[in-house]
Structures are given as C-alpha cells and as structure tokens.
Amino acid sequence: MPEDIMTKEVEDYIFVETKKVLEDVTGEEFVLLMRILSGLKSMQTVSGRQQLVELVVEQAFLEQALNPADTDSVDRLLQCTRQALPLFSKNVHSTRFVTYFCEFVLPNLSQLTSPVAELDIQLEVLKLLAEMSPYCGDMDKLEVNLNMLFEKLLEFMPLPPEEENGENAANEEPKLQFSYVECLLFSFHQLGKKLPDFLIDKVSAEKLKDFKIRLQYFARGLQVYIRQLRVALQGKTGDALKTDENKIKVVALKITNNINVLIKDLFHNPPSYKSTVTLSWKPVQKTEAAAAIGQKRRSGEDIGATATTKKHPTNLPRRDARQIYNPPSGKYSASIGNFSYEQRGGFRGGRGRGFGGRGNRSRGRIY
C-alpha cells in the first residue's frame, strides 16, 4: 500500500489490533500474522524488531518448563523459535531463547517427541540453538548453561575404542555424528567467548583430559572423511556438483571442515575462540564450496598444535537477508490442521492466550 495510506498511525493501529488477535490464534494464523507485522515499515527498526521478539516470547511460553513428551509444546517452541530467528541481530538478542534451550531443552533432548515422524527432532533443535547462539547477549547463568552444552557435547563425541589396534577394533568403532557435533561445538564456541576460562578453571583436570581424548579421536576421524570427500569431489564443477550425491558430499565437507576449525581452536593453550565458520546449512558464497574442495589437505598431526588458527571470513548473510521460515503444506499434528515442518536430515558416519487459548474454534488448533 502507498505510504500516504499506510502511515505510521495506521501501522501502529495494525500492530495494536494484531496483538489482541494473537491472544487466540492457531499456529498457521500466528505465522501469517508475524509475516504481516514483519513487513511493516515501523518494524524495521531495532526497537520494532525487539517488539516482535517480545511478541514471540509471549507465544513461546518461555516462563514454563518444557514437557518433552508433549508434541504440541515442542511444536509451539519450534514454530516460535523459527519466527524469532530472522529478527535476531547484534542489537536484538536471542538470550531468552538460548537460555531456555540450555535449561529446558538440552537436558531432555533424547526425550523430545517430534510433531513429524520423519523429522530428526534432536538435530532440528540443535540447529536452531546453533543459529541463535551468535546473537546471545549477557546471560545470568552462563557457567551453568555452558556446562550443560559441554556435557551434551561429550555425549556426541565418543571415546576411542579400548582396543583401537586390536582385532575387534572395527566392530567396536563408534559412529561419528558430525551434524550433531557441528551444532553443539559451534554453540559452545559462541557462548565460550563470553567465559573464555571455562575449560581452564571451571572444568576438572580429569574431565578436561577426557574431553581432549575425545577431541583427538574425533579429529582423526575427521581427517579420514575430509580426505575421502575431497578426492570424491576433486575436479568436479558446475553441473557435476548439482547432482544429489555430490550436493550431499559438498555439505558433508562443509560440516567436517567446520568441526576441524573449531576443534583446533579448543586445542590452543589456553583455548581460543577466535575462528569463525559458516554453519553448513546456511547460505554461502558460490565459490566457497569449490574453495573447500580445492583446499590443500592438512595432516592430522596439526590437530592440537598451538599455532594460531587463521581467521576465516564469516560470510554470514546480512540480518535482512536471512531467510524467513515459510512453512510447507502438509499435516504434521493431529490438532493443528494443514501445517508442517521441513524435514531435515543429518550427516552421520493450554493457556488462556496464544495459539488457540480461549473459546472454541472451528478451525485447526494447536491447543
């Protein structure tokens, strides 16, 4: 609409009335209304985006503990977090969401029930946490939350087999869950910047030794996969990289390279948090994949070295260039109607307000 019609007064009216409507909406209505509000000119400022984040916080019920067995509660949290993601920036912080994920979601990660049978709910949650972590501000329980991230990271970074060189080593070798580790390591790296002495003063010597053993073992596995992927992709350009098989290999190479860079940072003495990486599923420059394929292979011996790690350009898109979540069609919950999440795979080797709070509605509801 032209500016002489869509004046500031009109936008303010729309915002106030929409807040009233948000007291009783379905999940689909919530997404549509947030899309409308996000398009208002008055919402493009820092204060405007902060107001939108506060609206999402109210819908997410972050003052309540999460019931991991309740698909509606998990569904609500995922929807709200995805709506908030494009709003976060260095001035509009994700602290309340990151804190909630550390306090209520990570401890129950293995118990989460997915609203979609095909959705890897654990990886979905870890991806959201990783995307939010760069925009986290000052956190009241930083050490506690870092420790939770640390413990969860240990769960996905196995110890080497006891008889690594023995006859049964091949059968005992654990799987390396690269996608999970990329997310957790990135989140730990981002929050670790705020408490750089965590691994030095806040973790016992025995646990730190255990952590480094796991890092070393994981790093050796990384070198094997990186070499295999580079050989498989060497010389391939253009259309050859667009096949499904090679797309998977390119993403896998991004994941392993990211983990490699972050692990090297943690092996510094003291640990460093200076390197920057682009999450494997985020938009990157077109030449980045080719550069990664052609990059000279480093030997596994440099893992744990104290040499300064080169800084990599972040290549993160501008805040206004980040994708706004567009839900595809399809039923994913018995109580919501037509609305679903995009299936995401991983690389492995109610209340009286919001989302259907009051009264009886004829259309699909979450609650």
Protein backbone atom coordinates (compact mmCIF):
# COMPACT_ATOMS: atom_id res chain seq x y z
CA MET A 1 0.00 0.00 0.00
CA PRO A 2 1.27 3.53 -0.70
CA GLU A 3 2.84 5.46 2.17
CA ASP A 4 0.13 8.13 2.16
CA ILE A 5 -2.31 5.36 3.16
CA MET A 6 -0.04 3.10 5.20
CA THR A 7 1.02 5.87 7.57
CA LYS A 8 2.73 5.39 10.91
CA GLU A 9 -0.61 5.82 12.65
CA VAL A 10 -2.15 3.07 10.52
CA GLU A 11 0.82 0.76 11.19
CA ASP A 12 0.55 1.43 14.92
CA TYR A 13 -3.16 0.57 14.75
CA ILE A 14 -2.40 -2.68 12.91
CA PHE A 15 0.22 -3.61 15.50
CA VAL A 16 -2.06 -2.94 18.48
CA GLU A 17 -5.01 -4.83 16.96
CA THR A 18 -2.82 -7.75 15.89
CA LYS A 19 -1.54 -8.13 19.46
CA LYS A 20 -5.16 -8.57 20.53
CA VAL A 21 -5.79 -11.17 17.85
CA LEU A 22 -2.66 -13.09 18.89
CA GLU A 23 -4.33 -13.92 22.18
CA ASP A 24 -6.26 -16.68 20.40
CA VAL A 25 -4.79 -18.00 17.15
CA THR A 26 -3.80 -21.25 15.51
CA GLY A 27 -0.21 -21.99 14.60
CA GLU A 28 -0.85 -21.16 10.95
CA GLU A 29 -2.52 -17.85 11.86
CA PHE A 30 0.41 -16.96 14.12
CA VAL A 31 2.91 -17.41 11.27
CA LEU A 32 0.78 -15.34 8.87
CA LEU A 33 0.27 -12.51 11.35
CA MET A 34 4.00 -12.42 12.17
CA ARG A 35 4.71 -12.17 8.46
CA ILE A 36 2.36 -9.18 8.20
CA LEU A 37 3.89 -7.43 11.21
CA SER A 38 7.44 -8.11 9.99
CA GLY A 39 6.60 -6.30 6.76
CA LEU A 40 5.55 -3.06 8.45
CA LYS A 41 7.98 -0.20 7.93
CA SER A 42 7.87 0.71 11.62
CA MET A 43 9.04 -2.81 12.50
CA GLN A 44 12.29 -2.50 10.52
CA THR A 45 14.00 -0.55 13.30
CA VAL A 46 15.86 -2.10 16.24
CA SER A 47 13.04 -1.20 18.61
CA GLY A 48 10.48 -2.60 16.15
CA ARG A 49 12.28 -5.92 15.86
CA GLN A 50 12.60 -6.06 19.63
CA GLN A 51 8.84 -5.63 19.96
CA LEU A 52 8.32 -8.52 17.54
CA VAL A 53 10.69 -10.71 19.55
CA GLU A 54 8.70 -9.92 22.70
CA LEU A 55 5.52 -11.00 20.91
CA VAL A 56 7.15 -14.32 20.01
CA VAL A 57 8.42 -14.77 23.56
CA GLU A 58 4.86 -14.48 24.84
CA GLN A 59 3.66 -17.10 22.36
CA ALA A 60 6.55 -19.47 23.20
CA PHE A 61 5.68 -19.62 26.95
CA LEU A 62 9.35 -19.40 27.91
CA GLU A 63 8.38 -18.94 31.55
CA GLN A 64 7.21 -22.56 31.65
CA ALA A 65 9.29 -25.73 31.75
CA LEU A 66 9.07 -27.80 28.57
CA ASN A 67 7.26 -31.11 28.58
CA PRO A 68 9.36 -33.13 26.08
CA ALA A 69 6.61 -35.75 25.66
CA ASP A 70 4.01 -33.17 24.60
CA THR A 71 4.24 -32.77 20.84
CA ASP A 72 2.12 -29.60 20.98
CA SER A 73 4.56 -27.93 23.38
CA VAL A 74 7.56 -28.99 21.30
CA ASP A 75 5.74 -27.88 18.16
CA ARG A 76 4.98 -24.46 19.66
CA LEU A 77 8.61 -23.93 20.67
CA LEU A 78 9.94 -24.84 17.23
CA GLN A 79 7.46 -22.57 15.46
CA CYS A 80 8.15 -19.61 17.72
CA THR A 81 11.91 -20.01 17.55
CA ARG A 82 11.82 -20.08 13.77
CA GLN A 83 9.74 -16.91 13.72
CA ALA A 84 12.19 -15.18 16.05
CA LEU A 85 15.38 -16.22 14.20
CA PRO A 86 15.24 -13.62 11.38
CA LEU A 87 14.74 -10.87 13.98
CA PHE A 88 17.93 -11.50 15.96
CA SER A 89 20.98 -9.32 15.44
CA LYS A 90 23.84 -7.83 17.43
CA ASN A 91 21.32 -5.34 18.82
CA VAL A 92 18.31 -7.65 19.21
CA HIS A 93 19.49 -10.53 21.35
CA SER A 94 18.44 -14.17 21.43
CA THR A 95 19.38 -14.57 25.10
CA ARG A 96 15.97 -15.67 26.39
CA PHE A 97 15.63 -18.37 23.74
CA VAL A 98 19.22 -19.62 24.11
CA THR A 99 18.80 -19.74 27.89
CA TYR A 100 15.57 -21.70 27.57
CA PHE A 101 17.14 -24.20 25.20
CA CYS A 102 20.08 -24.75 27.56
CA GLU A 103 17.93 -25.04 30.69
CA PHE A 104 14.90 -27.00 29.45
CA VAL A 105 15.54 -28.45 26.01
CA LEU A 106 19.09 -29.85 26.06
CA PRO A 107 18.55 -31.84 29.29
CA ASN A 108 15.54 -33.52 27.63
CA LEU A 109 16.97 -33.78 24.12
CA SER A 110 16.67 -37.57 23.83
CA GLN A 111 13.07 -37.49 25.13
CA LEU A 112 11.70 -34.92 22.68
CA THR A 113 8.75 -36.08 20.63
CA SER A 114 8.57 -34.81 17.09
CA PRO A 115 5.40 -33.38 15.52
CA VAL A 116 6.55 -35.04 12.28
CA ALA A 117 7.50 -38.70 12.19
CA GLU A 118 10.25 -38.14 9.61
CA LEU A 119 11.77 -35.12 11.37
CA ASP A 120 15.04 -35.60 13.26
CA ILE A 121 13.84 -33.55 16.20
CA GLN A 122 17.16 -33.61 18.04
CA LEU A 123 19.09 -32.27 15.07
CA GLU A 124 16.37 -29.68 14.39
CA VAL A 125 16.67 -28.35 17.93
CA LEU A 126 20.48 -28.29 17.80
CA LYS A 127 20.40 -26.39 14.51
CA LEU A 128 18.10 -23.75 15.97
CA LEU A 129 20.35 -23.37 19.01
CA ALA A 130 23.42 -23.00 16.80
CA GLU A 131 21.76 -20.34 14.65
CA MET A 132 20.69 -18.33 17.72
CA SER A 133 23.95 -18.57 19.66
CA PRO A 134 25.88 -15.77 17.84
CA TYR A 135 23.21 -13.27 18.91
CA CYS A 136 23.12 -14.21 22.59
CA GLY A 137 23.72 -11.30 24.97
CA ASP A 138 24.69 -11.33 28.64
CA MET A 139 23.41 -14.48 30.32
CA ASP A 140 22.64 -14.75 34.05
CA LYS A 141 23.59 -18.43 34.36
CA LEU A 142 26.35 -18.51 31.75
CA GLU A 143 28.58 -21.04 33.53
CA VAL A 144 25.66 -23.39 34.23
CA ASN A 145 24.45 -23.22 30.65
CA LEU A 146 27.96 -23.64 29.24
CA ASN A 147 28.36 -26.71 31.40
CA MET A 148 25.12 -28.16 30.01
CA LEU A 149 26.39 -27.58 26.46
CA PHE A 150 29.72 -29.15 27.43
CA GLU A 151 28.08 -32.27 28.89
CA LYS A 152 25.83 -32.65 25.85
CA LEU A 153 28.84 -32.27 23.55
CA LEU A 154 30.60 -35.08 25.41
CA GLU A 155 27.62 -37.35 24.72
CA PHE A 156 28.09 -36.96 20.97
CA MET A 157 31.90 -37.16 20.98
CA PRO A 158 32.74 -40.78 21.79
CA LEU A 159 35.86 -42.13 23.41
CA PRO A 160 38.15 -44.21 21.17
CA PRO A 161 37.67 -47.98 21.35
CA GLU A 162 39.68 -49.60 24.12
CA GLU A 163 41.48 -51.86 21.66
CA GLU A 164 41.85 -49.42 18.81
CA ASN A 165 44.60 -51.50 17.18
CA GLY A 166 43.16 -54.88 18.14
CA GLU A 167 41.23 -57.42 16.11
CA ASN A 168 37.86 -56.19 17.36
CA ALA A 169 38.54 -52.52 16.76
CA ALA A 170 36.45 -52.36 13.57
CA ASN A 171 33.40 -53.79 15.31
CA GLU A 172 33.74 -51.52 18.32
CA GLU A 173 34.39 -48.28 16.47
CA PRO A 174 31.61 -45.83 17.36
CA LYS A 175 29.78 -43.73 14.79
CA LEU A 176 30.82 -40.11 14.49
CA GLN A 177 27.70 -37.95 14.40
CA PHE A 178 29.11 -34.99 12.54
CA SER A 179 25.90 -32.97 12.15
CA TYR A 180 25.13 -33.04 15.86
CA VAL A 181 28.71 -32.21 16.81
CA GLU A 182 28.88 -29.28 14.38
CA CYS A 183 25.83 -27.69 16.04
CA LEU A 184 26.94 -28.32 19.63
CA LEU A 185 30.56 -27.35 19.03
CA PHE A 186 29.52 -24.13 17.28
CA SER A 187 27.11 -23.21 20.11
CA PHE A 188 29.75 -24.00 22.73
CA HIS A 189 32.30 -21.95 20.79
CA GLN A 190 29.94 -18.94 20.61
CA LEU A 191 29.00 -18.98 24.31
CA GLY A 192 32.55 -19.89 25.32
CA LYS A 193 33.72 -16.49 24.10
CA LYS A 194 31.79 -14.98 26.99
CA LEU A 195 33.62 -17.15 29.55
CA PRO A 196 37.00 -17.97 27.98
CA ASP A 197 38.42 -19.54 31.14
CA PHE A 198 35.63 -22.14 31.34
CA LEU A 199 37.81 -25.04 30.13
CA ILE A 200 40.70 -23.85 32.29
CA ASP A 201 39.15 -23.03 35.66
CA LYS A 202 35.58 -24.38 35.58
CA VAL A 203 36.23 -27.94 34.40
CA SER A 204 38.15 -30.51 36.45
CA ALA A 205 41.53 -31.70 35.16
CA GLU A 206 40.21 -35.25 34.78
CA LYS A 207 37.18 -34.16 32.75
CA LEU A 208 39.30 -31.84 30.61
CA LYS A 209 41.69 -34.72 29.85
CA ASP A 210 38.73 -36.89 28.89
CA PHE A 211 37.40 -34.12 26.64
CA LYS A 212 40.74 -33.75 24.82
CA ILE A 213 40.94 -37.51 24.24
CA ARG A 214 37.50 -37.36 22.63
CA LEU A 215 38.52 -34.34 20.55
CA GLN A 216 41.66 -36.08 19.32
CA TYR A 217 39.77 -39.22 18.39
CA PHE A 218 37.08 -37.22 16.60
CA ALA A 219 39.74 -35.15 14.82
CA ARG A 220 41.44 -38.27 13.45
CA GLY A 221 38.13 -39.48 12.09
CA LEU A 222 37.58 -36.05 10.53
CA GLN A 223 40.84 -36.21 8.61
CA VAL A 224 39.84 -39.52 7.05
CA TYR A 225 36.44 -38.22 5.93
CA ILE A 226 37.84 -34.92 4.67
CA ARG A 227 40.42 -36.72 2.52
CA GLN A 228 37.79 -39.07 1.11
CA LEU A 229 35.36 -36.24 0.34
CA ARG A 230 37.98 -34.07 -1.36
CA VAL A 231 39.12 -36.95 -3.53
CA ALA A 232 35.49 -37.70 -4.47
CA LEU A 233 34.82 -34.04 -5.39
CA GLN A 234 38.17 -33.13 -6.91
CA GLY A 235 37.80 -31.65 -10.39
CA LYS A 236 34.01 -31.50 -10.27
CA THR A 237 32.47 -28.12 -11.13
CA GLY A 238 29.23 -26.64 -12.41
CA ASP A 239 26.50 -29.18 -13.16
CA ALA A 240 28.59 -32.03 -11.79
CA LEU A 241 28.27 -30.53 -8.30
CA LYS A 242 24.49 -30.19 -8.65
CA THR A 243 23.71 -33.90 -8.53
CA ASP A 244 22.07 -35.07 -5.31
CA GLU A 245 25.01 -37.29 -4.47
CA ASN A 246 27.58 -34.53 -4.86
CA LYS A 247 25.40 -31.97 -3.05
CA ILE A 248 25.45 -34.28 -0.04
CA LYS A 249 29.22 -34.61 -0.31
CA VAL A 250 29.68 -30.82 -0.51
CA VAL A 251 27.57 -30.30 2.63
CA ALA A 252 29.44 -33.11 4.38
CA LEU A 253 32.71 -31.43 3.51
CA LYS A 254 31.47 -28.13 4.94
CA ILE A 255 30.46 -29.89 8.17
CA THR A 256 33.78 -31.66 8.60
CA ASN A 257 35.78 -28.53 7.76
CA ASN A 258 33.77 -26.52 10.29
CA ILE A 259 34.35 -29.06 13.06
CA ASN A 260 38.03 -29.23 12.16
CA VAL A 261 38.45 -25.46 12.56
CA LEU A 262 36.53 -25.33 15.87
CA ILE A 263 38.44 -28.28 17.36
CA LYS A 264 41.76 -26.62 16.57
CA ASP A 265 40.60 -23.55 18.47
CA LEU A 266 39.88 -25.62 21.57
CA PHE A 267 43.33 -27.25 21.41
CA HIS A 268 45.06 -23.91 21.85
CA ASN A 269 46.57 -23.31 25.26
CA PRO A 270 44.60 -21.51 26.54
CA PRO A 271 41.61 -22.42 24.33
CA SER A 272 40.91 -19.88 21.61
CA TYR A 273 37.53 -18.68 20.41
CA LYS A 274 38.73 -16.53 17.52
CA SER A 275 37.99 -18.61 14.43
CA THR A 276 34.75 -18.07 12.56
CA VAL A 277 32.85 -20.54 10.40
CA THR A 278 29.62 -20.53 8.40
CA LEU A 279 27.19 -23.21 9.53
CA SER A 280 26.96 -25.90 6.86
CA TRP A 281 23.27 -25.32 6.09
CA LYS A 282 23.49 -21.52 5.88
CA PRO A 283 23.77 -19.61 2.57
CA VAL A 284 27.38 -19.14 1.44
CA GLN A 285 29.26 -17.59 -1.45
CA LYS A 286 29.10 -19.67 -4.64
CA THR A 287 32.85 -20.08 -4.70
CA GLU A 288 33.10 -21.37 -1.15
CA ALA A 289 32.30 -25.00 -1.98
CA ALA A 290 34.86 -25.05 -4.75
CA ALA A 291 37.42 -23.44 -2.47
CA ALA A 292 36.79 -26.06 0.19
CA ILE A 293 37.22 -28.87 -2.36
CA GLY A 294 40.46 -27.44 -3.68
CA GLN A 295 41.90 -26.57 -0.29
CA LYS A 296 45.23 -28.19 0.43
CA ARG A 297 44.90 -31.20 2.68
CA ARG A 298 46.29 -30.74 6.16
CA SER A 299 47.66 -33.71 8.02
CA GLY A 300 46.01 -34.94 11.18
CA GLU A 301 49.19 -34.09 13.09
CA ASP A 302 48.33 -30.39 13.25
CA ILE A 303 45.31 -31.14 15.43
CA GLY A 304 46.15 -29.96 18.88
CA ALA A 305 49.00 -27.75 17.75
CA THR A 306 49.36 -24.37 19.41
CA ALA A 307 49.92 -22.44 16.20
CA THR A 308 47.48 -19.59 15.67
CA THR A 309 44.49 -20.63 13.59
CA LYS A 310 43.80 -18.45 10.57
CA LYS A 311 40.65 -16.43 10.77
CA HIS A 312 38.07 -17.31 8.18
CA PRO A 313 35.56 -14.81 6.81
CA THR A 314 32.17 -15.47 8.27
CA ASN A 315 30.26 -14.96 5.02
CA LEU A 316 27.16 -14.70 7.17
CA PRO A 317 24.30 -13.02 5.33
CA ARG A 318 23.03 -9.67 6.47
CA ARG A 319 20.22 -9.74 9.04
CA ASP A 320 17.70 -8.67 6.43
CA ALA A 321 18.97 -11.37 4.07
CA ARG A 322 18.31 -14.24 6.47
CA GLN A 323 15.52 -16.49 5.33
CA ILE A 324 12.16 -16.13 6.99
CA TYR A 325 10.68 -19.53 7.66
CA ASN A 326 8.00 -20.41 5.14
CA PRO A 327 6.07 -23.46 6.35
CA PRO A 328 5.29 -26.00 3.64
CA SER A 329 1.87 -27.58 3.43
CA GLY A 330 1.04 -30.97 4.90
CA LYS A 331 -0.35 -32.29 8.15
CA TYR A 332 2.11 -32.80 10.96
CA SER A 333 -0.07 -32.73 14.06
CA ALA A 334 -3.43 -34.23 14.74
CA SER A 335 -4.61 -30.98 16.28
CA ILE A 336 -3.27 -28.27 14.03
CA GLY A 337 -4.60 -28.83 10.54
CA ASN A 338 -2.52 -28.16 7.44
CA PHE A 339 0.89 -27.06 8.59
CA SER A 340 4.25 -28.82 8.67
CA TYR A 341 7.95 -28.57 9.17
CA GLU A 342 10.54 -29.17 6.53
CA GLN A 343 12.26 -32.49 7.02
CA ARG A 344 15.92 -32.07 7.82
CA GLY A 345 18.43 -34.87 7.81
CA GLY A 346 21.82 -35.13 9.42
CA PHE A 347 25.26 -36.30 8.35
CA ARG A 348 26.47 -39.38 10.29
CA GLY A 349 29.19 -41.62 9.62
CA GLY A 350 -3.29 -24.81 27.33
CA ARG A 351 -3.17 -21.46 28.48
CA GLY A 352 -5.67 -18.54 28.18
CA ARG A 353 -3.75 -16.84 25.39
CA GLY A 354 -1.94 -17.56 22.16
CA PHE A 355 -2.16 -20.50 19.76
CA GLY A 356 -5.79 -21.33 20.46
CA GLY A 357 -6.02 -20.25 24.06
CA ARG A 358 -9.65 -19.20 24.56
CA GLY A 359 -13.04 -20.37 23.40
CA ASN A 360 -13.96 -22.96 20.79
CA ARG A 361 -12.68 -22.54 17.28
CA SER A 362 -13.89 -24.46 14.26
CA ARG A 363 -10.55 -24.44 12.51
CA GLY A 364 -7.46 -26.49 13.33
CA ARG A 365 -5.84 -25.54 16.61
CA ILE A 366 -2.69 -26.45 18.42
CA TYR A 367 -4.36 -26.41 21.82
